[in-house]
Every structure is written in structure tokens, then in C-alpha cells.
Amino acid sequence: MRRLIASAFVSLDGVMQAPGGPEEDPTGGFAFGGWVAPYWQGDDSLDAAMDRLFEAPFALLLGRRTYEIFAAHWPYQDDKIGTAFNAATKYVATSSNAPLAWNGSVALRGDILAEVARLKQEDGPDLLIQGSSVLLHSMLASRLLDELVLLTFPLLLGKGKRWHGDDAAPAALELVDSRISSNGVTIGRYRPAGEVRTGSFVPEEPSEAEIERREKWHEEEVA
């Protein structure tokens, strides 16, 4: 069986759009393309984080838009990541019948969740999602992810495509590794840890004021 791992660069308010450059994805008037670049300068720990992510064999699982961004860039790069991406199988979630020109690309059409579940049951290298916000939302909603790697950059972008959607399935996560780069980027690796657990700091016998507050809020909610 194969694991499904997702990795994303995110801001503190959860935006993952266009980290690489101004023209990468200006959808919706996004004005901050290339926001990770200043944090990469002089910080070898971010390169090390990428090396750890790509050190084992992998296949890429990409949404169509991220695939188009990657296919216009990585085939023309001869660095370590370019070499790894070009050699990997690229599974692409798409509803288009347009050909996939990047060598090693395989289209996934129809029921994407079923297709990904099928791929996970096969023998082969782990499946690695890079970017691909819409696809990532689907994987979070369906609980198909086995691991999540977030590089969280210390800035607020205000608006843009976010790594999680409102339909994400509630779930607890276990932090299995964390590092902080010299430029303040938090690198966290998470795995599913069952259901969300809750508790309470409220006394077993709440005050009359607390009871009144609950009744007031309940009335406002159903009004």
C-alpha cells in the first residue's frame, strides 16, 4: 500500500496561493505572488526540509492548474527537485480531455476520490500532493491523507486560496516532527490521530449567569 502525503507552503492565515512568483497564479486578483522567496534567502534549513520531503521515491498527485504551472517550469530545470519531478509519475486530477505533455503524466478522470483510493491500494512509491488547493480540500474532506507537511511562513496575506476548506472533515492530528528555520518558518509534519476530543473547564454546576447566557444564545440561534 502507498501513503498519501500532502505538502504546502502556507501563510499564518492559511493562504497557499502563488508562493513561487508574481505570475504563478494571479487568480482573483491575488497581488502577493512570490511571497515565500524573501524567507528562503540565506536559510539553508528550508532547502533541507525540501530534501527530506523528496528523499524517498514518490509519485506526484496534482490538480490540473498546479500541473500546468509545474509542467511549464520543472521540465526545464536540472536541479535536484527538477530531476526528481521529471522522473516521477505525475497523476493529474482533471476533467479535461486535453493531452498531458509532461513526460510520465497520467490523467485521473471521473470519481477522483475512488481513483486516489485505488492508487493507495497499489504497490508503488508514496503519492505526494504539492500545492493543488482544490485537490487538497477533497483529500481532507474524505480523510484520505496519511500525512500533512506544512511550511508556515510568518506573514498574513488576507485573501487567496487556502489549504483547507469549510468541508474539511473534523479530525485530530499528531505532530510527529517540527523545526523552525532561521527566518521564522515553522516546518511541521502531522499524521491523523483519530477523532476530535473535547473537554470542559466549566464547573459541573454552572452559575446562574452562565445558565442565562446559554439560554440567551440558544434563543438567538433558533430565532
Protein backbone atom coordinates (compact mmCIF):
# COMPACT_ATOMS: atom_id res chain seq x y z
CA MET A 1 0.00 0.00 0.00
CA ARG A 2 1.04 3.56 -0.64
CA ARG A 3 0.74 6.55 1.65
CA LEU A 4 -0.79 9.85 0.55
CA ILE A 5 1.24 12.83 1.73
CA ALA A 6 0.35 16.48 1.14
CA SER A 7 2.78 19.37 1.40
CA ALA A 8 2.09 23.09 1.15
CA PHE A 9 3.62 26.48 1.80
CA VAL A 10 1.07 28.45 3.83
CA SER A 11 0.76 31.85 5.48
CA LEU A 12 -0.37 32.23 9.08
CA ASP A 13 -3.91 32.84 7.82
CA GLY A 14 -3.82 29.67 5.71
CA VAL A 15 -3.24 31.10 2.21
CA MET A 16 -1.23 28.87 -0.14
CA GLN A 17 -1.73 30.68 -3.45
CA ALA A 18 1.19 31.51 -5.76
CA PRO A 19 4.13 31.11 -3.37
CA GLY A 20 6.67 30.93 -6.18
CA GLY A 21 6.29 34.10 -8.22
CA PRO A 22 4.05 37.01 -9.31
CA GLU A 23 2.79 35.29 -12.47
CA GLU A 24 2.33 31.84 -10.93
CA ASP A 25 -1.37 32.22 -10.11
CA PRO A 26 -2.89 35.73 -10.06
CA THR A 27 -6.43 34.27 -9.98
CA GLY A 28 -8.90 36.52 -8.16
CA GLY A 29 -6.54 39.48 -8.32
CA PHE A 30 -4.04 37.89 -5.92
CA ALA A 31 -1.29 40.50 -5.58
CA PHE A 32 1.38 38.76 -3.48
CA GLY A 33 2.73 36.05 -5.78
CA GLY A 34 6.25 35.04 -4.76
CA TRP A 35 5.72 35.60 -1.04
CA VAL A 36 8.00 32.72 0.07
CA ALA A 37 11.11 33.95 -1.77
CA PRO A 38 12.31 36.52 0.81
CA TYR A 39 12.22 33.86 3.55
CA TRP A 40 14.36 31.46 1.50
CA GLN A 41 17.31 33.81 1.23
CA GLY A 42 20.17 32.75 3.47
CA ASP A 43 18.15 29.94 5.08
CA ASP A 44 19.58 26.50 4.30
CA SER A 45 17.09 24.81 6.61
CA LEU A 46 14.30 25.28 4.05
CA ASP A 47 16.35 23.51 1.40
CA ALA A 48 16.98 20.74 3.94
CA ALA A 49 13.22 20.46 4.57
CA MET A 50 12.61 20.02 0.85
CA ASP A 51 15.38 17.42 0.66
CA ARG A 52 13.70 15.42 3.45
CA LEU A 53 10.36 15.60 1.68
CA PHE A 54 11.74 14.30 -1.61
CA GLU A 55 14.44 11.92 -0.38
CA ALA A 56 12.30 8.76 -0.73
CA PRO A 57 10.81 7.66 -4.07
CA PHE A 58 7.45 9.30 -4.78
CA ALA A 59 4.79 9.88 -7.40
CA LEU A 60 3.15 13.28 -7.72
CA LEU A 61 -0.60 13.75 -7.37
CA LEU A 62 -1.62 17.14 -8.74
CA GLY A 63 -4.67 19.21 -9.56
CA ARG A 64 -4.92 20.39 -13.15
CA ARG A 65 -3.91 24.02 -12.50
CA THR A 66 -0.89 23.08 -10.40
CA TYR A 67 0.06 20.54 -13.06
CA GLU A 68 0.04 23.27 -15.70
CA ILE A 69 2.23 25.51 -13.51
CA PHE A 70 4.69 22.67 -12.87
CA ALA A 71 4.71 21.45 -16.48
CA ALA A 72 5.71 24.91 -17.68
CA HIS A 73 8.61 25.06 -15.22
CA TRP A 74 10.12 21.81 -13.98
CA PRO A 75 10.91 20.10 -17.31
CA TYR A 76 13.35 22.93 -17.92
CA GLN A 77 15.17 22.66 -14.59
CA ASP A 78 18.16 20.39 -13.94
CA ASP A 79 18.44 20.85 -10.16
CA LYS A 80 17.63 18.14 -7.59
CA ILE A 81 13.91 18.87 -7.41
CA GLY A 82 13.60 19.20 -11.17
CA THR A 83 15.35 15.87 -11.67
CA ALA A 84 13.07 14.16 -9.12
CA PHE A 85 9.87 15.70 -10.52
CA ASN A 86 10.75 14.87 -14.11
CA ALA A 87 11.50 11.25 -13.22
CA ALA A 88 8.34 10.78 -11.12
CA THR A 89 4.96 9.60 -12.38
CA LYS A 90 2.56 12.53 -12.37
CA TYR A 91 -1.09 11.64 -11.63
CA VAL A 92 -3.33 14.55 -12.62
CA ALA A 93 -6.90 15.07 -11.39
CA THR A 94 -8.62 16.63 -14.39
CA SER A 95 -11.95 16.85 -16.16
CA SER A 96 -10.28 17.98 -19.38
CA ASN A 97 -9.52 15.73 -22.35
CA ALA A 98 -6.55 17.88 -23.33
CA PRO A 99 -3.32 15.88 -23.63
CA LEU A 100 -0.78 15.92 -20.79
CA ALA A 101 2.54 16.72 -22.45
CA TRP A 102 4.89 16.38 -19.47
CA ASN A 103 6.66 13.03 -19.64
CA GLY A 104 5.26 10.46 -17.22
CA SER A 105 1.85 12.12 -16.77
CA VAL A 106 -1.31 10.06 -16.18
CA ALA A 107 -4.80 11.59 -16.21
CA LEU A 108 -7.28 10.73 -13.44
CA ARG A 109 -10.85 11.43 -14.52
CA GLY A 110 -14.29 10.70 -13.13
CA ASP A 111 -14.54 9.87 -9.43
CA ILE A 112 -11.22 11.30 -8.19
CA LEU A 113 -11.70 10.04 -4.62
CA ALA A 114 -12.20 6.49 -5.89
CA GLU A 115 -9.19 6.83 -8.19
CA VAL A 116 -6.95 8.03 -5.36
CA ALA A 117 -8.22 5.28 -3.05
CA ARG A 118 -7.39 2.76 -5.78
CA LEU A 119 -3.89 4.16 -6.22
CA LYS A 120 -3.30 3.94 -2.47
CA GLN A 121 -4.09 0.22 -2.54
CA GLU A 122 -1.48 -0.43 -5.22
CA ASP A 123 2.19 -1.18 -4.71
CA GLY A 124 4.49 1.68 -5.51
CA PRO A 125 6.04 4.84 -4.11
CA ASP A 126 4.12 7.20 -1.87
CA LEU A 127 1.78 9.72 -3.50
CA LEU A 128 2.81 13.32 -2.88
CA ILE A 129 0.45 16.27 -3.32
CA GLN A 130 2.20 19.58 -3.94
CA GLY A 131 0.06 22.72 -3.85
CA SER A 132 -3.24 21.83 -5.58
CA SER A 133 -5.64 23.53 -3.17
CA VAL A 134 -8.86 22.12 -4.65
CA LEU A 135 -7.48 18.58 -4.64
CA LEU A 136 -6.16 19.02 -1.11
CA HIS A 137 -9.60 20.14 0.06
CA SER A 138 -11.09 16.93 -1.35
CA MET A 139 -8.49 14.76 0.36
CA LEU A 140 -9.07 16.50 3.70
CA ALA A 141 -12.83 16.11 3.38
CA SER A 142 -12.53 12.40 2.57
CA ARG A 143 -9.83 11.63 5.16
CA LEU A 144 -7.60 10.01 2.55
CA LEU A 145 -4.46 11.83 3.73
CA ASP A 146 -1.87 9.87 5.69
CA GLU A 147 0.47 12.76 6.35
CA LEU A 148 0.46 16.55 6.09
CA VAL A 149 3.59 18.70 5.86
CA LEU A 150 3.04 22.43 6.33
CA LEU A 151 5.70 25.09 5.98
CA THR A 152 4.07 28.03 7.74
CA PHE A 153 5.53 31.44 6.93
CA PRO A 154 5.27 34.33 9.40
CA LEU A 155 3.02 36.67 7.43
CA LEU A 156 -0.66 37.39 6.78
CA LEU A 157 -1.89 37.56 3.19
CA GLY A 158 -5.52 38.43 3.89
CA LYS A 159 -7.09 36.66 0.93
CA GLY A 160 -6.28 33.93 -1.54
CA LYS A 161 -6.66 30.18 -1.99
CA ARG A 162 -6.35 28.40 1.36
CA TRP A 163 -5.05 24.94 2.17
CA HIS A 164 -8.25 23.92 3.98
CA GLY A 165 -11.89 24.42 3.07
CA ASP A 166 -15.08 24.62 5.09
CA ASP A 167 -15.77 20.98 4.19
CA ALA A 168 -12.64 19.60 5.85
CA ALA A 169 -13.52 16.59 7.99
CA PRO A 170 -13.02 17.24 11.72
CA ALA A 171 -10.02 15.22 12.90
CA ALA A 172 -7.24 15.28 15.46
CA LEU A 173 -3.65 15.48 14.20
CA GLU A 174 -0.43 14.31 15.79
CA LEU A 175 2.66 16.47 15.36
CA VAL A 176 5.43 13.99 14.57
CA ASP A 177 8.21 16.42 13.67
CA SER A 178 8.71 20.19 13.90
CA ARG A 179 11.50 22.60 13.12
CA ILE A 180 11.84 26.37 12.91
CA SER A 181 14.03 27.93 10.26
CA SER A 182 16.35 30.83 10.95
CA ASN A 183 13.90 33.10 9.11
CA GLY A 184 10.97 32.02 11.29
CA VAL A 185 9.31 29.46 9.05
CA THR A 186 7.69 26.65 11.06
CA ILE A 187 8.02 23.24 9.42
CA GLY A 188 5.51 20.78 10.85
CA ARG A 189 4.75 17.19 9.89
CA TYR A 190 1.38 15.84 11.01
CA ARG A 191 -0.43 12.50 10.92
CA PRO A 192 -4.07 11.63 11.61
CA ALA A 193 -4.75 10.93 15.29
CA GLY A 194 -8.38 9.89 15.40
CA GLU A 195 -11.43 11.94 16.26
CA VAL A 196 -11.51 15.41 17.79
CA ARG A 197 -11.60 15.16 21.57
CA THR A 198 -13.35 17.77 23.70
CA GLY A 199 -13.45 18.63 27.38
CA SER A 200 -14.63 21.44 29.60
CA PHE A 201 -13.25 23.85 32.18
CA VAL A 202 -16.76 24.79 33.28
CA PRO A 203 -17.83 23.57 36.76
CA GLU A 204 -20.35 20.76 36.88
CA GLU A 205 -22.81 23.23 38.41
CA PRO A 206 -22.57 26.42 36.31
CA SER A 207 -23.50 29.81 37.74
CA GLU A 208 -26.92 31.34 37.19
CA ALA A 209 -25.27 33.91 34.92
CA GLU A 210 -23.81 31.11 32.80
CA ILE A 211 -27.18 29.37 32.55
CA GLU A 212 -28.81 32.65 31.48
CA ARG A 213 -26.09 33.22 28.88
CA ARG A 214 -26.64 29.75 27.38
CA GLU A 215 -30.39 30.28 27.20
CA LYS A 216 -29.94 33.70 25.59
CA TRP A 217 -27.54 32.39 22.96
CA HIS A 218 -29.79 29.41 22.24
CA GLU A 219 -32.77 31.75 21.69
CA GLU A 220 -30.69 33.92 19.36
CA GLU A 221 -29.52 30.86 17.43
CA VAL A 222 -33.01 29.50 16.76
CA ALA A 223 -34.60 32.92 16.13
